[in-house]
Amino acid sequence: PAMALALEGAGKDPVELRRQLLKDHKDWLYVLNTVAEKANWGKAMPKGSAQGIAIHECFGSIVGQVAEVSVSKRGEVRVERVVCAVDCGHVVNPLTVAEQMEGGVVYGLTYTLYGQITIEKGRAVEGNFDTYQMLRMQQMPEVETHLALTGGDKWGGSGEPSVPPIGPAVCNAIFKITGKRIRPLPLINHDLSWT
């Protein structure tokens, strides 16, 4: 929350501010610059659409994501495109890394949009995928993955690192469109309508 407030209150472009904050971390900067470049960060977007960005590190890998999101005036959210840049160290099969990034986006978007378990009388209501809403194929955004490898002897993971940044990237785009900051997820619990 403190980082989000600093970014919001700084009055600077989110990528430029992150560049300043990460100036002493060359590997993070490389991932950030790669995702910003590949996503054409700052490009003109139609009214009701915006880009949001997030970057993080886990399992020895740094992942940056830009989500291109549209929100209808009634508050319907659609993630159109996600661009990922990843530094996971040595890569045996680049296609596997791209597939893992895509799978993480599916899982992370499902949680961001719908992910909640409700408890009634001490039991989970959602017992399987027939009652737990998942991202459907027609809702899946285009996902691009770019390897932003900085070298060295690092061996990072590629299974889970793309899950955490998708929610913040989507919520940052929603904020640009609606002016509403989302803290608790999922998004289905929020009125995202705007004028």
N, C-alpha and C. Protein backbone atom coordinates (compact mmCIF):
# COMPACT_ATOMS: atom_id res chain seq x y z
N PRO A 1 0.81 -1.22 0.00
CA PRO A 1 0.00 0.00 0.00
C PRO A 1 0.85 1.27 0.00
N ALA A 2 1.95 1.29 0.74
CA ALA A 2 2.79 2.48 0.78
C ALA A 2 3.38 2.78 -0.59
N MET A 3 3.81 1.74 -1.31
CA MET A 3 4.37 1.92 -2.66
C MET A 3 3.29 2.45 -3.59
N ALA A 4 2.06 1.92 -3.50
CA ALA A 4 0.97 2.39 -4.36
C ALA A 4 0.68 3.86 -4.09
N LEU A 5 0.67 4.24 -2.82
CA LEU A 5 0.41 5.64 -2.48
C LEU A 5 1.54 6.53 -2.99
N ALA A 6 2.78 6.06 -2.88
CA ALA A 6 3.91 6.85 -3.38
C ALA A 6 3.80 7.04 -4.88
N LEU A 7 3.43 6.00 -5.60
CA LEU A 7 3.30 6.10 -7.05
C LEU A 7 2.18 7.04 -7.43
N GLU A 8 1.05 6.92 -6.74
CA GLU A 8 -0.11 7.75 -7.04
C GLU A 8 0.17 9.22 -6.72
N GLY A 9 0.84 9.45 -5.61
CA GLY A 9 1.09 10.82 -5.18
C GLY A 9 2.27 11.48 -5.83
N ALA A 10 3.08 10.74 -6.57
CA ALA A 10 4.30 11.29 -7.14
C ALA A 10 4.04 12.16 -8.36
N GLY A 11 2.89 11.98 -9.01
CA GLY A 11 2.58 12.75 -10.20
C GLY A 11 3.48 12.47 -11.37
N LYS A 12 4.04 11.27 -11.42
CA LYS A 12 4.95 10.90 -12.50
C LYS A 12 4.41 9.70 -13.24
N ASP A 13 4.87 9.52 -14.47
CA ASP A 13 4.53 8.33 -15.22
C ASP A 13 4.99 7.11 -14.42
N PRO A 14 4.13 6.07 -14.31
CA PRO A 14 4.49 4.90 -13.51
C PRO A 14 5.78 4.21 -13.92
N VAL A 15 6.08 4.16 -15.20
CA VAL A 15 7.33 3.52 -15.64
C VAL A 15 8.52 4.40 -15.26
N GLU A 16 8.40 5.71 -15.47
CA GLU A 16 9.51 6.61 -15.14
C GLU A 16 9.80 6.58 -13.64
N LEU A 17 8.75 6.57 -12.82
CA LEU A 17 8.96 6.52 -11.38
C LEU A 17 9.62 5.21 -10.97
N ARG A 18 9.19 4.11 -11.55
CA ARG A 18 9.82 2.82 -11.24
C ARG A 18 11.29 2.82 -11.69
N ARG A 19 11.57 3.44 -12.80
CA ARG A 19 12.98 3.54 -13.24
C ARG A 19 13.82 4.25 -12.19
N GLN A 20 13.29 5.31 -11.64
CA GLN A 20 14.02 6.04 -10.60
C GLN A 20 14.20 5.19 -9.36
N LEU A 21 13.14 4.51 -8.95
CA LEU A 21 13.20 3.70 -7.73
C LEU A 21 14.10 2.48 -7.88
N LEU A 22 14.25 1.99 -9.11
CA LEU A 22 15.04 0.78 -9.36
C LEU A 22 16.40 1.07 -9.97
N LYS A 23 16.85 2.32 -9.90
CA LYS A 23 18.07 2.72 -10.60
C LYS A 23 19.30 1.92 -10.20
N ASP A 24 19.32 1.36 -9.02
CA ASP A 24 20.48 0.59 -8.56
C ASP A 24 20.30 -0.92 -8.76
N HIS A 25 19.27 -1.31 -9.47
CA HIS A 25 18.97 -2.73 -9.69
C HIS A 25 18.89 -3.00 -11.19
N LYS A 26 20.03 -3.25 -11.79
CA LYS A 26 20.13 -3.37 -13.25
C LYS A 26 19.24 -4.47 -13.82
N ASP A 27 19.11 -5.61 -13.12
CA ASP A 27 18.29 -6.70 -13.64
C ASP A 27 16.81 -6.31 -13.65
N TRP A 28 16.36 -5.63 -12.59
CA TRP A 28 14.97 -5.17 -12.53
C TRP A 28 14.72 -4.13 -13.63
N LEU A 29 15.67 -3.21 -13.80
CA LEU A 29 15.53 -2.19 -14.83
C LEU A 29 15.43 -2.79 -16.22
N TYR A 30 16.21 -3.83 -16.47
CA TYR A 30 16.19 -4.46 -17.78
C TYR A 30 14.81 -5.08 -18.05
N VAL A 31 14.26 -5.76 -17.06
CA VAL A 31 12.92 -6.34 -17.22
C VAL A 31 11.88 -5.24 -17.40
N LEU A 32 11.95 -4.19 -16.58
CA LEU A 32 11.02 -3.08 -16.69
C LEU A 32 11.09 -2.42 -18.05
N ASN A 33 12.29 -2.12 -18.52
CA ASN A 33 12.46 -1.48 -19.82
C ASN A 33 12.00 -2.38 -20.96
N THR A 34 12.23 -3.68 -20.83
CA THR A 34 11.80 -4.61 -21.87
C THR A 34 10.29 -4.65 -21.96
N VAL A 35 9.60 -4.79 -20.83
CA VAL A 35 8.13 -4.88 -20.87
C VAL A 35 7.53 -3.56 -21.34
N ALA A 36 8.09 -2.44 -20.93
CA ALA A 36 7.57 -1.14 -21.36
C ALA A 36 7.74 -0.96 -22.87
N GLU A 37 8.89 -1.35 -23.38
CA GLU A 37 9.15 -1.21 -24.81
C GLU A 37 8.24 -2.14 -25.63
N LYS A 38 8.17 -3.40 -25.23
CA LYS A 38 7.40 -4.38 -25.99
C LYS A 38 5.90 -4.10 -25.94
N ALA A 39 5.44 -3.46 -24.87
CA ALA A 39 4.02 -3.11 -24.75
C ALA A 39 3.70 -1.75 -25.36
N ASN A 40 4.74 -1.06 -25.84
CA ASN A 40 4.56 0.30 -26.35
C ASN A 40 3.92 1.17 -25.27
N TRP A 41 4.54 1.15 -24.09
CA TRP A 41 4.01 1.85 -22.93
C TRP A 41 3.75 3.32 -23.25
N GLY A 42 2.60 3.79 -22.84
CA GLY A 42 2.23 5.19 -23.02
C GLY A 42 1.54 5.49 -24.33
N LYS A 43 1.28 4.46 -25.13
CA LYS A 43 0.62 4.68 -26.41
C LYS A 43 -0.80 5.22 -26.18
N ALA A 44 -1.32 5.89 -27.18
CA ALA A 44 -2.70 6.42 -27.09
C ALA A 44 -3.67 5.25 -27.03
N MET A 45 -4.61 5.34 -26.12
CA MET A 45 -5.63 4.30 -25.94
C MET A 45 -7.01 4.96 -26.07
N PRO A 46 -7.99 4.22 -26.56
CA PRO A 46 -9.34 4.78 -26.65
C PRO A 46 -9.91 5.08 -25.26
N LYS A 47 -10.85 6.00 -25.21
CA LYS A 47 -11.51 6.30 -23.93
C LYS A 47 -12.11 5.02 -23.37
N GLY A 48 -11.91 4.80 -22.09
CA GLY A 48 -12.38 3.58 -21.46
C GLY A 48 -11.36 2.46 -21.48
N SER A 49 -10.17 2.75 -21.99
CA SER A 49 -9.08 1.76 -22.04
C SER A 49 -7.81 2.39 -21.49
N ALA A 50 -6.96 1.53 -20.92
CA ALA A 50 -5.70 2.03 -20.37
C ALA A 50 -4.74 0.87 -20.19
N GLN A 51 -3.48 1.24 -20.01
CA GLN A 51 -2.44 0.27 -19.66
C GLN A 51 -2.13 0.40 -18.18
N GLY A 52 -1.85 -0.73 -17.56
CA GLY A 52 -1.39 -0.75 -16.18
C GLY A 52 -0.14 -1.61 -16.12
N ILE A 53 0.75 -1.32 -15.20
CA ILE A 53 2.02 -2.03 -15.12
C ILE A 53 2.28 -2.51 -13.70
N ALA A 54 3.00 -3.62 -13.59
CA ALA A 54 3.46 -4.13 -12.31
C ALA A 54 4.73 -4.94 -12.55
N ILE A 55 5.58 -5.02 -11.54
CA ILE A 55 6.81 -5.79 -11.62
C ILE A 55 7.10 -6.35 -10.24
N HIS A 56 7.63 -7.58 -10.20
CA HIS A 56 7.96 -8.18 -8.91
C HIS A 56 8.98 -9.29 -9.11
N GLU A 57 9.43 -9.87 -7.99
CA GLU A 57 10.36 -10.99 -8.02
C GLU A 57 9.89 -12.06 -7.07
N CYS A 58 9.90 -13.30 -7.54
CA CYS A 58 9.68 -14.46 -6.68
C CYS A 58 10.28 -15.68 -7.33
N PHE A 59 10.60 -16.68 -6.53
CA PHE A 59 11.21 -17.93 -7.01
C PHE A 59 12.45 -17.66 -7.86
N GLY A 60 13.17 -16.59 -7.54
CA GLY A 60 14.40 -16.27 -8.25
C GLY A 60 14.19 -15.66 -9.63
N SER A 61 12.96 -15.26 -9.95
CA SER A 61 12.66 -14.68 -11.26
C SER A 61 12.02 -13.31 -11.10
N ILE A 62 12.34 -12.42 -12.02
CA ILE A 62 11.72 -11.09 -12.07
C ILE A 62 10.75 -11.08 -13.23
N VAL A 63 9.52 -10.67 -12.97
CA VAL A 63 8.50 -10.60 -14.01
C VAL A 63 7.86 -9.22 -14.00
N GLY A 64 7.82 -8.61 -15.18
CA GLY A 64 7.10 -7.36 -15.37
C GLY A 64 5.94 -7.61 -16.32
N GLN A 65 4.81 -6.98 -16.06
CA GLN A 65 3.64 -7.15 -16.92
C GLN A 65 2.98 -5.81 -17.18
N VAL A 66 2.53 -5.65 -18.42
CA VAL A 66 1.66 -4.54 -18.79
C VAL A 66 0.35 -5.15 -19.24
N ALA A 67 -0.74 -4.71 -18.59
CA ALA A 67 -2.08 -5.18 -18.96
C ALA A 67 -2.80 -4.04 -19.67
N GLU A 68 -3.37 -4.35 -20.82
CA GLU A 68 -4.23 -3.41 -21.53
C GLU A 68 -5.66 -3.80 -21.22
N VAL A 69 -6.37 -2.87 -20.60
CA VAL A 69 -7.68 -3.16 -20.03
C VAL A 69 -8.71 -2.16 -20.56
N SER A 70 -9.92 -2.65 -20.76
CA SER A 70 -11.03 -1.75 -21.06
C SER A 70 -12.10 -1.95 -20.00
N VAL A 71 -12.76 -0.86 -19.64
CA VAL A 71 -13.86 -0.89 -18.68
C VAL A 71 -15.02 -0.13 -19.29
N SER A 72 -16.16 -0.82 -19.46
CA SER A 72 -17.34 -0.13 -19.99
C SER A 72 -17.86 0.84 -18.95
N LYS A 73 -18.68 1.77 -19.38
CA LYS A 73 -19.25 2.74 -18.43
C LYS A 73 -20.08 2.06 -17.36
N ARG A 74 -20.59 0.87 -17.67
CA ARG A 74 -21.35 0.10 -16.67
C ARG A 74 -20.43 -0.68 -15.73
N GLY A 75 -19.11 -0.64 -15.98
CA GLY A 75 -18.17 -1.29 -15.08
C GLY A 75 -17.74 -2.68 -15.48
N GLU A 76 -18.00 -3.08 -16.73
CA GLU A 76 -17.59 -4.41 -17.19
C GLU A 76 -16.12 -4.35 -17.62
N VAL A 77 -15.31 -5.21 -17.03
CA VAL A 77 -13.87 -5.22 -17.25
C VAL A 77 -13.51 -6.28 -18.29
N ARG A 78 -12.64 -5.89 -19.21
CA ARG A 78 -12.10 -6.85 -20.19
C ARG A 78 -10.61 -6.59 -20.30
N VAL A 79 -9.81 -7.63 -20.08
CA VAL A 79 -8.37 -7.53 -20.27
C VAL A 79 -8.10 -7.97 -21.70
N GLU A 80 -7.60 -7.04 -22.50
CA GLU A 80 -7.42 -7.26 -23.93
C GLU A 80 -6.07 -7.89 -24.27
N ARG A 81 -5.03 -7.46 -23.58
CA ARG A 81 -3.67 -7.88 -23.93
C ARG A 81 -2.80 -7.81 -22.68
N VAL A 82 -1.89 -8.77 -22.55
CA VAL A 82 -0.92 -8.77 -21.47
C VAL A 82 0.45 -9.00 -22.09
N VAL A 83 1.39 -8.14 -21.76
CA VAL A 83 2.76 -8.30 -22.21
C VAL A 83 3.60 -8.61 -20.98
N CYS A 84 4.33 -9.72 -21.04
CA CYS A 84 5.19 -10.16 -19.93
C CYS A 84 6.65 -10.06 -20.37
N ALA A 85 7.49 -9.64 -19.45
CA ALA A 85 8.93 -9.76 -19.62
C ALA A 85 9.42 -10.52 -18.40
N VAL A 86 10.30 -11.50 -18.62
CA VAL A 86 10.74 -12.34 -17.51
C VAL A 86 12.24 -12.56 -17.58
N ASP A 87 12.87 -12.46 -16.41
CA ASP A 87 14.25 -12.87 -16.25
C ASP A 87 14.24 -14.02 -15.24
N CYS A 88 14.31 -15.23 -15.77
CA CYS A 88 14.32 -16.42 -14.92
C CYS A 88 15.67 -17.12 -14.97
N GLY A 89 16.68 -16.40 -15.41
CA GLY A 89 18.01 -17.00 -15.47
C GLY A 89 18.17 -17.89 -16.68
N HIS A 90 18.82 -19.00 -16.49
CA HIS A 90 19.04 -19.93 -17.59
C HIS A 90 17.71 -20.51 -18.07
N VAL A 91 17.57 -20.66 -19.38
CA VAL A 91 16.35 -21.20 -19.97
C VAL A 91 16.72 -22.40 -20.83
N VAL A 92 16.08 -23.52 -20.56
CA VAL A 92 16.29 -24.71 -21.36
C VAL A 92 15.39 -24.67 -22.59
N ASN A 93 14.11 -24.35 -22.39
CA ASN A 93 13.15 -24.31 -23.49
C ASN A 93 12.34 -23.01 -23.40
N PRO A 94 12.61 -22.02 -24.25
CA PRO A 94 11.88 -20.75 -24.19
C PRO A 94 10.37 -20.91 -24.35
N LEU A 95 9.93 -21.88 -25.14
CA LEU A 95 8.50 -22.10 -25.32
C LEU A 95 7.83 -22.51 -24.02
N THR A 96 8.51 -23.31 -23.23
CA THR A 96 7.97 -23.71 -21.93
C THR A 96 7.81 -22.50 -21.02
N VAL A 97 8.78 -21.60 -21.03
CA VAL A 97 8.69 -20.39 -20.21
C VAL A 97 7.47 -19.57 -20.65
N ALA A 98 7.29 -19.39 -21.95
CA ALA A 98 6.14 -18.64 -22.45
C ALA A 98 4.83 -19.31 -22.03
N GLU A 99 4.77 -20.62 -22.13
CA GLU A 99 3.56 -21.34 -21.72
C GLU A 99 3.28 -21.16 -20.24
N GLN A 100 4.33 -21.20 -19.43
CA GLN A 100 4.15 -21.01 -17.99
C GLN A 100 3.67 -19.59 -17.67
N MET A 101 4.19 -18.60 -18.39
CA MET A 101 3.74 -17.22 -18.18
C MET A 101 2.25 -17.10 -18.52
N GLU A 102 1.84 -17.71 -19.64
CA GLU A 102 0.43 -17.67 -20.04
C GLU A 102 -0.45 -18.36 -19.01
N GLY A 103 -0.03 -19.51 -18.52
CA GLY A 103 -0.81 -20.22 -17.51
C GLY A 103 -0.95 -19.41 -16.23
N GLY A 104 0.13 -18.73 -15.84
CA GLY A 104 0.07 -17.87 -14.66
C GLY A 104 -0.89 -16.70 -14.85
N VAL A 105 -0.93 -16.16 -16.07
CA VAL A 105 -1.87 -15.07 -16.36
C VAL A 105 -3.31 -15.57 -16.22
N VAL A 106 -3.59 -16.77 -16.72
CA VAL A 106 -4.94 -17.34 -16.58
C VAL A 106 -5.31 -17.45 -15.11
N TYR A 107 -4.43 -18.04 -14.34
CA TYR A 107 -4.71 -18.25 -12.92
C TYR A 107 -4.85 -16.91 -12.19
N GLY A 108 -3.91 -15.99 -12.44
CA GLY A 108 -3.95 -14.69 -11.78
C GLY A 108 -5.16 -13.87 -12.16
N LEU A 109 -5.55 -13.91 -13.44
CA LEU A 109 -6.74 -13.18 -13.87
C LEU A 109 -8.01 -13.78 -13.28
N THR A 110 -8.05 -15.10 -13.20
CA THR A 110 -9.21 -15.75 -12.57
C THR A 110 -9.37 -15.24 -11.15
N TYR A 111 -8.28 -15.23 -10.39
CA TYR A 111 -8.35 -14.75 -9.02
C TYR A 111 -8.72 -13.27 -8.97
N THR A 112 -8.09 -12.47 -9.83
CA THR A 112 -8.33 -11.03 -9.84
C THR A 112 -9.79 -10.71 -10.15
N LEU A 113 -10.35 -11.37 -11.13
CA LEU A 113 -11.72 -11.08 -11.55
C LEU A 113 -12.77 -11.72 -10.65
N TYR A 114 -12.57 -12.99 -10.29
CA TYR A 114 -13.65 -13.76 -9.65
C TYR A 114 -13.27 -14.46 -8.36
N GLY A 115 -12.02 -14.60 -8.06
CA GLY A 115 -11.54 -15.54 -7.07
C GLY A 115 -11.99 -15.31 -5.65
N GLN A 116 -12.99 -16.02 -5.27
CA GLN A 116 -13.40 -16.01 -3.88
C GLN A 116 -14.02 -17.35 -3.53
N ILE A 117 -13.79 -17.76 -2.31
CA ILE A 117 -14.41 -18.96 -1.77
C ILE A 117 -15.35 -18.50 -0.66
N THR A 118 -16.59 -18.88 -0.77
CA THR A 118 -17.57 -18.51 0.26
C THR A 118 -17.81 -19.71 1.17
N ILE A 119 -17.98 -19.43 2.44
CA ILE A 119 -18.19 -20.46 3.45
C ILE A 119 -19.60 -20.32 4.00
N GLU A 120 -20.34 -21.40 3.95
CA GLU A 120 -21.66 -21.45 4.56
C GLU A 120 -21.73 -22.66 5.47
N LYS A 121 -22.15 -22.43 6.70
CA LYS A 121 -22.26 -23.51 7.70
C LYS A 121 -20.95 -24.29 7.82
N GLY A 122 -19.83 -23.56 7.78
CA GLY A 122 -18.53 -24.16 7.97
C GLY A 122 -17.97 -24.91 6.79
N ARG A 123 -18.62 -24.82 5.62
CA ARG A 123 -18.15 -25.55 4.45
C ARG A 123 -18.01 -24.61 3.26
N ALA A 124 -17.07 -24.93 2.39
CA ALA A 124 -16.90 -24.16 1.17
C ALA A 124 -18.05 -24.44 0.22
N VAL A 125 -18.66 -23.39 -0.30
CA VAL A 125 -19.76 -23.53 -1.27
C VAL A 125 -19.20 -23.98 -2.62
N GLU A 126 -18.09 -23.41 -3.01
CA GLU A 126 -17.48 -23.73 -4.30
C GLU A 126 -16.64 -24.99 -4.13
N GLY A 127 -17.19 -26.11 -4.56
CA GLY A 127 -16.52 -27.39 -4.37
C GLY A 127 -15.73 -27.85 -5.57
N ASN A 128 -16.00 -27.28 -6.75
CA ASN A 128 -15.29 -27.70 -7.95
C ASN A 128 -15.45 -26.60 -9.00
N PHE A 129 -14.98 -26.84 -10.21
CA PHE A 129 -15.00 -25.81 -11.23
C PHE A 129 -16.40 -25.53 -11.78
N ASP A 130 -17.39 -26.32 -11.41
CA ASP A 130 -18.75 -26.01 -11.82
C ASP A 130 -19.35 -24.90 -10.96
N THR A 131 -18.78 -24.66 -9.78
CA THR A 131 -19.28 -23.61 -8.90
C THR A 131 -18.24 -22.52 -8.63
N TYR A 132 -16.99 -22.73 -9.04
CA TYR A 132 -15.94 -21.72 -8.89
C TYR A 132 -15.69 -21.13 -10.27
N GLN A 133 -16.02 -19.85 -10.42
CA GLN A 133 -15.93 -19.23 -11.74
C GLN A 133 -14.47 -19.10 -12.18
N MET A 134 -14.19 -19.58 -13.37
CA MET A 134 -12.86 -19.51 -13.97
C MET A 134 -12.91 -18.61 -15.19
N LEU A 135 -11.75 -18.11 -15.58
CA LEU A 135 -11.63 -17.35 -16.81
C LEU A 135 -11.97 -18.28 -17.98
N ARG A 136 -12.85 -17.84 -18.85
CA ARG A 136 -13.26 -18.64 -20.01
C ARG A 136 -12.37 -18.32 -21.20
N MET A 137 -12.37 -19.24 -22.16
CA MET A 137 -11.50 -19.05 -23.34
C MET A 137 -11.77 -17.73 -24.04
N GLN A 138 -13.04 -17.33 -24.18
CA GLN A 138 -13.37 -16.09 -24.88
C GLN A 138 -12.96 -14.85 -24.08
N GLN A 139 -12.62 -15.02 -22.80
CA GLN A 139 -12.18 -13.91 -21.96
C GLN A 139 -10.66 -13.79 -21.92
N MET A 140 -9.97 -14.78 -22.43
CA MET A 140 -8.51 -14.81 -22.35
C MET A 140 -7.89 -13.73 -23.23
N PRO A 141 -7.05 -12.90 -22.64
CA PRO A 141 -6.39 -11.88 -23.45
C PRO A 141 -5.28 -12.48 -24.29
N GLU A 142 -4.85 -11.72 -25.27
CA GLU A 142 -3.62 -12.06 -25.99
C GLU A 142 -2.47 -11.89 -25.00
N VAL A 143 -1.58 -12.86 -24.93
CA VAL A 143 -0.44 -12.79 -24.01
C VAL A 143 0.85 -12.92 -24.81
N GLU A 144 1.75 -11.98 -24.61
CA GLU A 144 3.08 -12.02 -25.23
C GLU A 144 4.10 -12.17 -24.13
N THR A 145 5.06 -13.05 -24.34
CA THR A 145 6.14 -13.22 -23.37
C THR A 145 7.47 -12.92 -24.03
N HIS A 146 8.27 -12.14 -23.35
CA HIS A 146 9.60 -11.78 -23.84
C HIS A 146 10.63 -12.13 -22.78
N LEU A 147 11.64 -12.88 -23.18
CA LEU A 147 12.72 -13.21 -22.26
C LEU A 147 13.63 -12.00 -22.14
N ALA A 148 13.85 -11.56 -20.91
CA ALA A 148 14.70 -10.41 -20.63
C ALA A 148 15.83 -10.89 -19.73
N LEU A 149 16.62 -11.79 -20.25
CA LEU A 149 17.64 -12.47 -19.45
C LEU A 149 18.86 -11.59 -19.28
N THR A 150 19.29 -11.48 -18.01
CA THR A 150 20.44 -10.62 -17.72
C THR A 150 21.73 -11.40 -17.54
N GLY A 151 21.69 -12.70 -17.73
CA GLY A 151 22.91 -13.51 -17.64
C GLY A 151 23.23 -13.91 -16.23
N GLY A 152 24.44 -14.39 -16.05
CA GLY A 152 24.86 -14.85 -14.73
C GLY A 152 24.52 -16.32 -14.53
N ASP A 153 24.63 -16.76 -13.29
CA ASP A 153 24.43 -18.17 -13.01
C ASP A 153 23.09 -18.44 -12.33
N LYS A 154 22.16 -17.53 -12.44
CA LYS A 154 20.86 -17.66 -11.78
C LYS A 154 20.00 -18.73 -12.47
N TRP A 155 19.34 -19.54 -11.66
CA TRP A 155 18.31 -20.47 -12.14
C TRP A 155 17.04 -20.12 -11.38
N GLY A 156 16.12 -19.44 -12.05
CA GLY A 156 14.87 -19.06 -11.42
C GLY A 156 13.74 -19.98 -11.84
N GLY A 157 12.58 -19.73 -11.30
CA GLY A 157 11.40 -20.51 -11.65
C GLY A 157 10.59 -19.84 -12.73
N SER A 158 9.74 -20.61 -13.40
CA SER A 158 8.86 -20.01 -14.40
C SER A 158 7.42 -20.48 -14.25
N GLY A 159 7.11 -21.21 -13.18
CA GLY A 159 5.75 -21.70 -12.99
C GLY A 159 4.82 -20.68 -12.38
N GLU A 160 5.21 -20.09 -11.27
CA GLU A 160 4.33 -19.18 -10.54
C GLU A 160 4.64 -17.70 -10.68
N PRO A 161 5.82 -17.28 -11.10
CA PRO A 161 6.15 -15.85 -11.05
C PRO A 161 5.26 -14.92 -11.87
N SER A 162 4.49 -15.43 -12.83
CA SER A 162 3.62 -14.53 -13.59
C SER A 162 2.25 -14.35 -12.94
N VAL A 163 1.97 -15.07 -11.84
CA VAL A 163 0.67 -14.94 -11.18
C VAL A 163 0.54 -13.61 -10.42
N PRO A 164 1.46 -13.25 -9.53
CA PRO A 164 1.24 -12.06 -8.69
C PRO A 164 1.13 -10.72 -9.40
N PRO A 165 1.87 -10.43 -10.50
CA PRO A 165 1.79 -9.07 -11.03
C PRO A 165 0.55 -8.76 -11.86
N ILE A 166 -0.21 -9.77 -12.31
CA ILE A 166 -1.33 -9.48 -13.20
C ILE A 166 -2.43 -8.69 -12.48
N GLY A 167 -2.72 -9.02 -11.24
CA GLY A 167 -3.75 -8.29 -10.49
C GLY A 167 -3.41 -6.81 -10.35
N PRO A 168 -2.21 -6.47 -9.85
CA PRO A 168 -1.83 -5.06 -9.75
C PRO A 168 -1.79 -4.35 -11.10
N ALA A 169 -1.32 -5.03 -12.14
CA ALA A 169 -1.30 -4.39 -13.46
C ALA A 169 -2.71 -4.05 -13.93
N VAL A 170 -3.64 -4.99 -13.76
CA VAL A 170 -5.04 -4.76 -14.15
C VAL A 170 -5.65 -3.65 -13.30
N CYS A 171 -5.43 -3.70 -12.00
CA CYS A 171 -6.01 -2.68 -11.11
C CYS A 171 -5.42 -1.29 -11.37
N ASN A 172 -4.15 -1.22 -11.74
CA ASN A 172 -3.56 0.08 -12.09
C ASN A 172 -4.20 0.65 -13.36
N ALA A 173 -4.52 -0.22 -14.32
CA ALA A 173 -5.22 0.25 -15.53
C ALA A 173 -6.63 0.70 -15.18
N ILE A 174 -7.31 -0.06 -14.34
CA ILE A 174 -8.68 0.32 -13.92
C ILE A 174 -8.67 1.68 -13.25
N PHE A 175 -7.67 1.94 -12.42
CA PHE A 175 -7.57 3.23 -11.75
C PHE A 175 -7.44 4.37 -12.77
N LYS A 176 -6.63 4.16 -13.80
CA LYS A 176 -6.48 5.19 -14.84
C LYS A 176 -7.81 5.48 -15.53
N ILE A 177 -8.63 4.46 -15.71
CA ILE A 177 -9.90 4.62 -16.42
C ILE A 177 -10.98 5.21 -15.51
N THR A 178 -11.12 4.65 -14.32
CA THR A 178 -12.27 4.97 -13.46
C THR A 178 -11.94 5.92 -12.32
N GLY A 179 -10.66 6.04 -11.99
CA GLY A 179 -10.28 6.82 -10.82
C GLY A 179 -10.51 6.08 -9.52
N LYS A 180 -10.87 4.81 -9.60
CA LYS A 180 -11.15 4.00 -8.41
C LYS A 180 -9.97 3.09 -8.12
N ARG A 181 -9.44 3.20 -6.90
CA ARG A 181 -8.36 2.32 -6.45
C ARG A 181 -8.96 1.06 -5.86
N ILE A 182 -8.54 -0.07 -6.36
CA ILE A 182 -9.03 -1.35 -5.87
C ILE A 182 -8.00 -1.90 -4.90
N ARG A 183 -8.43 -2.22 -3.71
CA ARG A 183 -7.54 -2.85 -2.73
C ARG A 183 -7.90 -4.33 -2.57
N PRO A 184 -9.08 -4.67 -2.04
CA PRO A 184 -9.41 -6.10 -1.92
C PRO A 184 -9.93 -6.66 -3.24
N LEU A 185 -9.58 -7.89 -3.51
CA LEU A 185 -10.07 -8.59 -4.70
C LEU A 185 -11.09 -9.63 -4.24
N PRO A 186 -11.92 -10.12 -5.13
CA PRO A 186 -11.95 -9.99 -6.59
C PRO A 186 -12.70 -8.75 -7.06
N LEU A 187 -12.53 -8.47 -8.35
CA LEU A 187 -13.16 -7.29 -8.95
C LEU A 187 -14.67 -7.39 -9.01
N ILE A 188 -15.24 -8.60 -9.04
CA ILE A 188 -16.70 -8.73 -9.11
C ILE A 188 -17.39 -8.13 -7.90
N ASN A 189 -16.65 -7.87 -6.84
CA ASN A 189 -17.24 -7.27 -5.63
C ASN A 189 -17.20 -5.75 -5.64
N HIS A 190 -16.80 -5.14 -6.76
CA HIS A 190 -16.66 -3.69 -6.83
C HIS A 190 -17.53 -3.10 -7.93
N ASP A 191 -18.05 -1.90 -7.68
CA ASP A 191 -18.74 -1.15 -8.70
C ASP A 191 -17.68 -0.35 -9.46
N LEU A 192 -17.44 -0.74 -10.69
CA LEU A 192 -16.40 -0.08 -11.49
C LEU A 192 -17.00 0.82 -12.57
N SER A 193 -18.29 1.14 -12.44
CA SER A 193 -18.91 2.03 -13.41
C SER A 193 -18.26 3.42 -13.31
N TRP A 194 -18.30 4.14 -14.41
CA TRP A 194 -17.67 5.45 -14.44
C TRP A 194 -18.43 6.33 -15.46
N THR A 195 -18.19 7.64 -15.37
CA THR A 195 -18.84 8.58 -16.29
C THR A 195 -17.80 9.37 -17.05
